[in-house]
């Protein structure tokens, strides 16, 4: 069985990914920020829940060091930290832009930095967005942050290939998670979003979890530097 670190585990995907990995017998160390994880459903089978500031290099490095000390070997890392900002560039404040970049791109850079320093023979999975490759209106800040993640992963895949650290990115479209409540809570907005997707629905956390599981699996260790669009066809089909 394998040992995994999940950063940003208190979000909509984190609990389902944790259940998925634990059901397969793997050990999971979770890093959360401020939002509490549902202790009743998760804590019994977890090794550790740690408070981590994912935008801080030292905080992330300490979490990785704890994982190595506790488990001896880390087989994979997933960064689920992120945010959504739907505003045109001319209405985006300096603080909003910095927050979007930090929560998405800087957290991913922090994970790459610690993985490159401390790991080998491991899989790192980062999260982008269909907005990085499709021109959606009012997505300038998030598109910039997520596109940066994709470039980061390709460069890291080259840099750390000699250590057999694989870096891949999943780029979903709209998912039914708490982060997207501003859209999914509106019947009109939700219906419009569903119509945008060739498969006629928005995504679920499980759609992304399935792909993360594939990329973490050591049997799939010849995959690196790729971006996988799990988006109901929105980025490829018109």
Protein backbone atom coordinates (compact mmCIF):
# COMPACT_ATOMS: atom_id res chain seq x y z
CA UNK A 1 0.00 0.00 0.00
CA UNK A 2 1.03 3.61 -0.56
CA UNK A 3 1.31 6.83 1.45
CA UNK A 4 -0.14 10.10 0.18
CA UNK A 5 -0.22 13.76 1.16
CA UNK A 6 -3.27 15.86 0.33
CA UNK A 7 -3.00 19.64 0.61
CA UNK A 8 -6.23 21.63 0.70
CA UNK A 9 -8.10 18.61 1.98
CA UNK A 10 -11.04 20.51 3.50
CA UNK A 11 -12.52 21.39 0.09
CA UNK A 12 -15.20 19.65 -1.92
CA UNK A 13 -12.90 17.07 -3.51
CA UNK A 14 -10.74 16.32 -0.46
CA UNK A 15 -13.13 14.17 1.55
CA UNK A 16 -14.08 12.01 -1.43
CA UNK A 17 -10.45 11.57 -2.44
CA UNK A 18 -9.55 10.61 1.11
CA UNK A 19 -12.33 8.01 1.21
CA UNK A 20 -11.27 6.69 -2.20
CA UNK A 21 -7.64 6.21 -1.17
CA UNK A 22 -8.41 4.78 2.26
CA UNK A 23 -10.89 2.32 0.80
CA UNK A 24 -7.96 0.94 -1.19
CA UNK A 25 -5.88 0.56 1.96
CA UNK A 26 -3.61 3.57 1.48
CA UNK A 27 -2.43 5.92 4.24
CA UNK A 28 -3.35 9.58 3.86
CA UNK A 29 -1.94 12.64 5.62
CA UNK A 30 -4.19 15.67 5.26
CA UNK A 31 -3.26 19.33 5.30
CA UNK A 32 -6.03 21.85 5.81
CA UNK A 33 -6.08 25.63 6.16
CA UNK A 34 -8.86 27.13 8.26
CA UNK A 35 -11.97 25.14 7.36
CA UNK A 36 -12.37 22.13 9.68
CA UNK A 37 -12.51 18.67 8.16
CA UNK A 38 -15.48 16.54 9.13
CA UNK A 39 -13.82 14.74 12.01
CA UNK A 40 -16.62 12.19 12.46
CA UNK A 41 -16.26 10.74 8.97
CA UNK A 42 -12.53 10.94 8.53
CA UNK A 43 -10.45 10.99 11.66
CA UNK A 44 -10.81 7.34 12.68
CA UNK A 45 -8.67 6.08 9.82
CA UNK A 46 -6.37 9.05 9.32
CA UNK A 47 -2.79 9.12 10.47
CA UNK A 48 -2.74 12.90 10.91
CA UNK A 49 -4.57 16.13 10.15
CA UNK A 50 -2.25 19.12 10.04
CA UNK A 51 -2.85 22.85 9.79
CA UNK A 52 -0.81 24.12 6.85
CA UNK A 53 -0.58 27.51 5.17
CA UNK A 54 -0.14 26.28 1.61
CA UNK A 55 1.07 29.66 0.32
CA UNK A 56 4.00 29.58 2.75
CA UNK A 57 7.05 27.62 1.61
CA UNK A 58 8.21 26.79 5.13
CA UNK A 59 4.78 25.60 6.25
CA UNK A 60 4.48 23.25 3.29
CA UNK A 61 8.05 22.04 3.73
CA UNK A 62 7.35 21.26 7.39
CA UNK A 63 4.31 19.23 6.37
CA UNK A 64 6.36 17.24 3.83
CA UNK A 65 9.07 16.65 6.43
CA UNK A 66 6.46 15.40 8.87
CA UNK A 67 5.15 12.99 6.25
CA UNK A 68 8.62 11.64 5.50
CA UNK A 69 9.40 11.31 9.23
CA UNK A 70 6.08 9.65 10.01
CA UNK A 71 5.75 7.32 7.04
CA UNK A 72 9.28 6.97 5.69
CA UNK A 73 8.11 7.06 2.09
CA UNK A 74 5.68 9.36 0.28
CA UNK A 75 4.32 7.90 -2.95
CA UNK A 76 2.21 10.82 -4.07
CA UNK A 77 1.00 14.35 -3.36
CA UNK A 78 -2.16 16.15 -4.43
CA UNK A 79 -2.73 19.91 -4.22
CA UNK A 80 -6.43 20.74 -3.89
CA UNK A 81 -5.95 24.26 -2.56
CA UNK A 82 -7.53 26.88 -4.78
CA UNK A 83 -10.11 29.60 -5.30
CA UNK A 84 -12.47 30.97 -7.94
CA UNK A 85 -12.77 34.60 -9.02
CA UNK A 86 -15.24 35.47 -11.77
CA UNK A 87 -14.59 39.11 -12.66
CA UNK A 88 -13.33 40.97 -15.71
CA UNK A 89 -9.79 42.28 -15.40
CA UNK A 90 -10.85 45.93 -15.13
CA UNK A 91 -12.99 45.14 -12.05
CA UNK A 92 -10.38 42.97 -10.32
CA UNK A 93 -8.62 44.66 -7.42
CA UNK A 94 -4.97 44.26 -6.58
CA UNK A 95 -5.87 42.25 -3.48
CA UNK A 96 -8.24 39.98 -5.42
CA UNK A 97 -5.59 39.28 -8.03
CA UNK A 98 -2.91 38.54 -5.43
CA UNK A 99 -5.27 36.23 -3.54
CA UNK A 100 -6.18 34.32 -6.70
CA UNK A 101 -2.55 33.88 -7.73
CA UNK A 102 -1.48 32.87 -4.23
CA UNK A 103 -4.27 30.37 -3.59
CA UNK A 104 -3.84 28.65 -6.93
CA UNK A 105 -0.39 29.16 -8.43
CA UNK A 106 1.70 29.80 -5.33
CA UNK A 107 0.25 26.83 -3.44
CA UNK A 108 1.12 24.62 -6.41
CA UNK A 109 4.63 26.08 -6.55
CA UNK A 110 5.02 25.38 -2.83
CA UNK A 111 4.10 21.73 -3.37
CA UNK A 112 6.46 21.41 -6.35
CA UNK A 113 9.27 23.02 -4.38
CA UNK A 114 8.97 20.62 -1.42
CA UNK A 115 8.43 17.59 -3.63
CA UNK A 116 11.55 18.37 -5.63
CA UNK A 117 13.57 18.78 -2.47
CA UNK A 118 12.33 15.83 -0.43
CA UNK A 119 10.77 13.17 -2.65
CA UNK A 120 11.72 10.67 -5.32
CA UNK A 121 9.77 8.00 -7.21
CA UNK A 122 6.52 9.86 -6.55
CA UNK A 123 3.51 11.31 -8.35
CA UNK A 124 2.42 14.93 -7.90
CA UNK A 125 -1.04 15.97 -9.08
CA UNK A 126 -1.99 19.64 -9.45
CA UNK A 127 -5.36 21.17 -10.32
CA UNK A 128 -5.86 23.63 -13.17
CA UNK A 129 -9.10 24.58 -14.94
CA UNK A 130 -10.65 24.42 -18.38
CA UNK A 131 -10.44 28.23 -18.20
CA UNK A 132 -6.68 27.96 -18.76
CA UNK A 133 -7.24 26.77 -22.33
CA UNK A 134 -10.71 28.10 -23.22
CA UNK A 135 -11.55 31.78 -23.41
CA UNK A 136 -14.36 32.13 -20.87
CA UNK A 137 -15.46 35.68 -20.17
CA UNK A 138 -14.75 37.17 -16.72
CA UNK A 139 -12.08 34.58 -15.95
CA UNK A 140 -8.90 36.62 -16.48
CA UNK A 141 -7.34 36.23 -13.02
CA UNK A 142 -8.20 32.57 -12.53
CA UNK A 143 -7.20 31.76 -16.12
CA UNK A 144 -3.81 33.38 -15.54
CA UNK A 145 -3.27 31.47 -12.29
CA UNK A 146 -4.33 28.11 -13.69
CA UNK A 147 -2.34 28.52 -16.91
CA UNK A 148 0.68 29.15 -14.71
CA UNK A 149 0.09 25.83 -12.97
CA UNK A 150 0.15 23.99 -16.28
CA UNK A 151 3.45 25.60 -17.27
CA UNK A 152 4.86 24.91 -13.81
CA UNK A 153 4.02 21.21 -14.07
CA UNK A 154 5.65 20.80 -17.48
CA UNK A 155 8.85 22.46 -16.30
CA UNK A 156 8.91 20.48 -13.05
CA UNK A 157 8.35 17.24 -14.97
CA UNK A 158 11.54 17.96 -16.89
CA UNK A 159 13.56 19.18 -13.91
CA UNK A 160 12.79 16.25 -11.62
CA UNK A 161 12.53 13.42 -14.13
CA UNK A 162 15.89 12.04 -12.95
CA UNK A 163 14.34 11.56 -9.51
CA UNK A 164 11.34 9.90 -11.17
CA UNK A 165 8.92 12.48 -9.78
CA UNK A 166 5.96 12.70 -12.15
CA UNK A 167 4.02 15.95 -12.38
CA UNK A 168 0.59 16.01 -13.98
CA UNK A 169 -2.35 18.38 -14.00
CA UNK A 170 -6.09 17.85 -14.01
CA UNK A 171 -8.11 20.65 -15.63
CA UNK A 172 -11.79 20.31 -14.74
CA UNK A 173 -14.64 22.53 -15.74
CA UNK A 174 -17.32 23.64 -13.27
CA UNK A 175 -17.74 21.13 -10.42
CA UNK A 176 -20.56 20.73 -7.95
CA UNK A 177 -18.52 21.70 -4.88
CA UNK A 178 -18.90 24.36 -2.16
CA UNK A 179 -16.38 26.51 -4.03
CA UNK A 180 -18.87 26.86 -6.90
CA UNK A 181 -21.95 27.53 -4.78
CA UNK A 182 -22.25 31.04 -6.20
CA UNK A 183 -23.08 29.45 -9.57
CA UNK A 184 -24.71 26.16 -8.64
CA UNK A 185 -27.11 27.75 -6.14
CA UNK A 186 -28.78 29.70 -8.95
CA UNK A 187 -31.10 27.49 -11.05
CA UNK A 188 -30.71 29.76 -14.07
CA UNK A 189 -26.91 29.87 -13.82
CA UNK A 190 -26.72 26.12 -13.26
CA UNK A 191 -28.93 25.37 -16.26
CA UNK A 192 -26.84 27.66 -18.46
CA UNK A 193 -23.66 25.96 -17.25
CA UNK A 194 -25.08 22.52 -17.96
CA UNK A 195 -25.98 23.56 -21.50
CA UNK A 196 -22.40 24.74 -22.12
CA UNK A 197 -21.07 21.21 -21.59
CA UNK A 198 -21.45 18.75 -24.49
CA UNK A 199 -22.30 15.95 -22.03
CA UNK A 200 -25.12 18.03 -20.58
CA UNK A 201 -24.05 18.32 -16.95
CA UNK A 202 -21.49 19.93 -14.70
CA UNK A 203 -18.85 17.80 -13.04
CA UNK A 204 -18.84 16.07 -9.68
CA UNK A 205 -15.94 15.61 -7.26
CA UNK A 206 -15.91 11.92 -8.12
CA UNK A 207 -15.15 12.72 -11.78
CA UNK A 208 -11.90 14.34 -10.64
CA UNK A 209 -11.15 11.80 -7.90
CA UNK A 210 -11.19 8.97 -10.44
CA UNK A 211 -8.50 10.70 -12.50
CA UNK A 212 -6.40 11.60 -9.48
CA UNK A 213 -6.46 7.95 -8.44
CA UNK A 214 -5.21 6.88 -11.85
CA UNK A 215 -2.33 9.35 -11.78
CA UNK A 216 -1.30 8.41 -8.24
CA UNK A 217 -1.29 4.69 -8.99
CA UNK A 218 2.32 3.51 -9.25
CA UNK A 219 1.35 1.17 -12.07
CA UNK A 220 0.80 4.29 -14.23
CA UNK A 221 4.32 5.59 -13.74
CA UNK A 222 5.04 6.49 -17.38
CA UNK A 223 2.79 9.55 -17.35
CA UNK A 224 4.31 12.97 -16.69
CA UNK A 225 4.08 16.55 -17.89
CA UNK A 226 0.47 16.18 -19.03
CA UNK A 227 -2.74 18.15 -18.59
CA UNK A 228 -5.90 16.04 -18.47
CA UNK A 229 -9.14 17.84 -19.25
CA UNK A 230 -11.90 16.31 -17.14
CA UNK A 231 -14.55 18.74 -18.29
CA UNK A 232 -17.47 17.08 -20.04
CA UNK A 233 -15.92 17.96 -23.39
CA UNK A 234 -16.16 21.73 -22.98
CA UNK A 235 -12.53 22.38 -23.91
CA UNK A 236 -12.48 20.13 -27.00
CA UNK A 237 -15.99 19.91 -28.45
CA UNK A 238 -18.04 22.74 -29.94
